[in-house]
Amino acid sequence: MVDFFLSPLTATILFVVACFAGYQYRRVWVKEGPRWQLWVFGLIAAICLGLVAFIPLSSTP
């Protein structure tokens, strides 16, 4: 079985993307914007955070 690992740089990039998507989600939610935008930004944030949370980091860069 092939083990998947995230490099520290990839994990950092995913985390930053999740933060930006979460910020956009909140902006659309406060302005009561279109529901489809809530879904898009919410799914992007959830997927990125899920990847960072459940795929281990590699010990070598």
N, C-alpha and C. Protein backbone atom coordinates (compact mmCIF):
# COMPACT_ATOMS: atom_id res chain seq x y z
N MET A 1 0.84 -1.19 0.00
CA MET A 1 0.00 0.00 0.00
C MET A 1 0.88 1.24 0.00
N VAL A 2 0.51 2.20 -0.81
CA VAL A 2 1.28 3.44 -0.91
C VAL A 2 0.79 4.40 0.17
N ASP A 3 1.73 4.89 0.96
CA ASP A 3 1.37 5.87 2.00
C ASP A 3 1.47 7.27 1.42
N PHE A 4 0.50 8.08 1.74
CA PHE A 4 0.50 9.46 1.28
C PHE A 4 0.95 10.36 2.41
N PHE A 5 1.82 11.31 2.10
CA PHE A 5 2.29 12.29 3.06
C PHE A 5 2.23 13.66 2.43
N LEU A 6 1.98 14.66 3.25
CA LEU A 6 2.03 16.05 2.79
C LEU A 6 3.38 16.63 3.18
N SER A 7 3.97 17.38 2.28
CA SER A 7 5.17 18.11 2.66
C SER A 7 4.74 19.30 3.52
N PRO A 8 5.62 19.82 4.33
CA PRO A 8 5.25 20.99 5.14
C PRO A 8 4.80 22.19 4.30
N LEU A 9 5.42 22.39 3.14
CA LEU A 9 5.03 23.50 2.28
C LEU A 9 3.61 23.30 1.74
N THR A 10 3.30 22.08 1.30
CA THR A 10 1.96 21.79 0.79
C THR A 10 0.91 21.96 1.88
N ALA A 11 1.20 21.50 3.06
CA ALA A 11 0.26 21.65 4.18
C ALA A 11 0.03 23.12 4.51
N THR A 12 1.09 23.91 4.46
CA THR A 12 0.95 25.34 4.73
C THR A 12 0.10 26.02 3.66
N ILE A 13 0.33 25.67 2.41
CA ILE A 13 -0.46 26.25 1.32
C ILE A 13 -1.93 25.86 1.46
N LEU A 14 -2.21 24.61 1.77
CA LEU A 14 -3.60 24.17 1.96
C LEU A 14 -4.26 24.91 3.12
N PHE A 15 -3.50 25.11 4.19
CA PHE A 15 -4.05 25.82 5.35
C PHE A 15 -4.36 27.27 5.01
N VAL A 16 -3.49 27.92 4.27
CA VAL A 16 -3.72 29.32 3.87
C VAL A 16 -4.93 29.42 2.94
N VAL A 17 -5.05 28.49 2.01
CA VAL A 17 -6.22 28.47 1.11
C VAL A 17 -7.50 28.28 1.93
N ALA A 18 -7.45 27.39 2.93
CA ALA A 18 -8.62 27.17 3.79
C ALA A 18 -8.98 28.44 4.56
N CYS A 19 -7.98 29.16 5.03
CA CYS A 19 -8.25 30.42 5.75
C CYS A 19 -8.90 31.45 4.85
N PHE A 20 -8.37 31.62 3.63
CA PHE A 20 -8.97 32.56 2.69
C PHE A 20 -10.39 32.15 2.31
N ALA A 21 -10.61 30.87 2.09
CA ALA A 21 -11.95 30.40 1.74
C ALA A 21 -12.92 30.60 2.91
N GLY A 22 -12.45 30.35 4.12
CA GLY A 22 -13.29 30.58 5.29
C GLY A 22 -13.63 32.05 5.47
N TYR A 23 -12.68 32.92 5.18
CA TYR A 23 -12.93 34.37 5.26
C TYR A 23 -13.97 34.78 4.22
N GLN A 24 -13.84 34.27 3.00
CA GLN A 24 -14.82 34.57 1.96
C GLN A 24 -16.19 34.01 2.32
N TYR A 25 -16.20 32.81 2.90
CA TYR A 25 -17.46 32.21 3.34
C TYR A 25 -18.17 33.14 4.32
N ARG A 26 -17.41 33.65 5.30
CA ARG A 26 -17.99 34.52 6.31
C ARG A 26 -18.49 35.83 5.69
N ARG A 27 -17.75 36.39 4.74
CA ARG A 27 -18.18 37.63 4.08
C ARG A 27 -19.49 37.43 3.34
N VAL A 28 -19.61 36.32 2.61
CA VAL A 28 -20.85 36.05 1.88
C VAL A 28 -21.99 35.79 2.85
N TRP A 29 -21.71 35.10 3.94
CA TRP A 29 -22.74 34.76 4.93
C TRP A 29 -23.28 36.02 5.60
N VAL A 30 -22.39 36.96 5.98
CA VAL A 30 -22.82 38.18 6.65
C VAL A 30 -23.65 39.05 5.71
N LYS A 31 -23.25 39.11 4.44
CA LYS A 31 -23.99 39.91 3.47
C LYS A 31 -25.22 39.19 2.94
N GLU A 32 -25.45 37.97 3.39
CA GLU A 32 -26.56 37.15 2.92
C GLU A 32 -26.54 37.03 1.40
N GLY A 33 -25.36 36.67 0.90
CA GLY A 33 -25.16 36.53 -0.54
C GLY A 33 -25.73 35.22 -1.07
N PRO A 34 -25.40 34.92 -2.30
CA PRO A 34 -25.94 33.71 -2.95
C PRO A 34 -25.52 32.43 -2.23
N ARG A 35 -26.44 31.51 -2.13
CA ARG A 35 -26.17 30.25 -1.44
C ARG A 35 -25.08 29.43 -2.12
N TRP A 36 -25.00 29.51 -3.46
CA TRP A 36 -24.00 28.70 -4.16
C TRP A 36 -22.60 29.13 -3.76
N GLN A 37 -22.40 30.43 -3.49
CA GLN A 37 -21.08 30.88 -3.05
C GLN A 37 -20.75 30.35 -1.66
N LEU A 38 -21.75 30.27 -0.80
CA LEU A 38 -21.53 29.68 0.53
C LEU A 38 -21.06 28.24 0.39
N TRP A 39 -21.71 27.49 -0.51
CA TRP A 39 -21.32 26.10 -0.72
C TRP A 39 -19.90 25.98 -1.27
N VAL A 40 -19.58 26.82 -2.24
CA VAL A 40 -18.25 26.74 -2.87
C VAL A 40 -17.16 27.04 -1.85
N PHE A 41 -17.27 28.16 -1.15
CA PHE A 41 -16.23 28.53 -0.20
C PHE A 41 -16.20 27.59 1.00
N GLY A 42 -17.36 27.14 1.43
CA GLY A 42 -17.41 26.20 2.55
C GLY A 42 -16.79 24.86 2.21
N LEU A 43 -17.05 24.36 1.01
CA LEU A 43 -16.46 23.08 0.60
C LEU A 43 -14.95 23.18 0.41
N ILE A 44 -14.50 24.29 -0.17
CA ILE A 44 -13.05 24.48 -0.34
C ILE A 44 -12.37 24.48 1.02
N ALA A 45 -12.92 25.23 1.98
CA ALA A 45 -12.32 25.29 3.31
C ALA A 45 -12.37 23.93 3.99
N ALA A 46 -13.48 23.23 3.88
CA ALA A 46 -13.62 21.93 4.55
C ALA A 46 -12.67 20.89 3.96
N ILE A 47 -12.55 20.87 2.64
CA ILE A 47 -11.67 19.89 2.00
C ILE A 47 -10.21 20.17 2.36
N CYS A 48 -9.81 21.43 2.30
CA CYS A 48 -8.42 21.76 2.64
C CYS A 48 -8.10 21.41 4.09
N LEU A 49 -8.98 21.77 5.01
CA LEU A 49 -8.74 21.45 6.41
C LEU A 49 -8.78 19.95 6.66
N GLY A 50 -9.65 19.24 5.95
CA GLY A 50 -9.70 17.79 6.08
C GLY A 50 -8.42 17.13 5.61
N LEU A 51 -7.88 17.62 4.51
CA LEU A 51 -6.62 17.07 4.02
C LEU A 51 -5.48 17.32 5.00
N VAL A 52 -5.41 18.53 5.52
CA VAL A 52 -4.35 18.85 6.48
C VAL A 52 -4.52 18.05 7.76
N ALA A 53 -5.75 17.80 8.16
CA ALA A 53 -6.00 17.10 9.41
C ALA A 53 -5.74 15.59 9.32
N PHE A 54 -6.06 14.99 8.18
CA PHE A 54 -6.05 13.52 8.13
C PHE A 54 -4.92 12.91 7.31
N ILE A 55 -4.15 13.72 6.61
CA ILE A 55 -2.98 13.18 5.90
C ILE A 55 -1.75 13.63 6.68
N PRO A 56 -0.92 12.69 7.09
CA PRO A 56 0.23 13.06 7.92
C PRO A 56 1.29 13.86 7.15
N LEU A 57 2.05 14.63 7.89
CA LEU A 57 3.15 15.38 7.31
C LEU A 57 4.38 14.48 7.16
N SER A 58 5.14 14.72 6.12
CA SER A 58 6.38 13.96 5.96
C SER A 58 7.46 14.59 6.84
N SER A 59 8.35 13.78 7.31
CA SER A 59 9.41 14.28 8.17
C SER A 59 10.57 14.88 7.37
N THR A 60 10.62 14.58 6.07
CA THR A 60 11.65 15.13 5.21
C THR A 60 11.00 16.03 4.17
N PRO A 61 11.59 17.18 3.87
CA PRO A 61 10.97 18.11 2.92
C PRO A 61 11.01 17.66 1.50
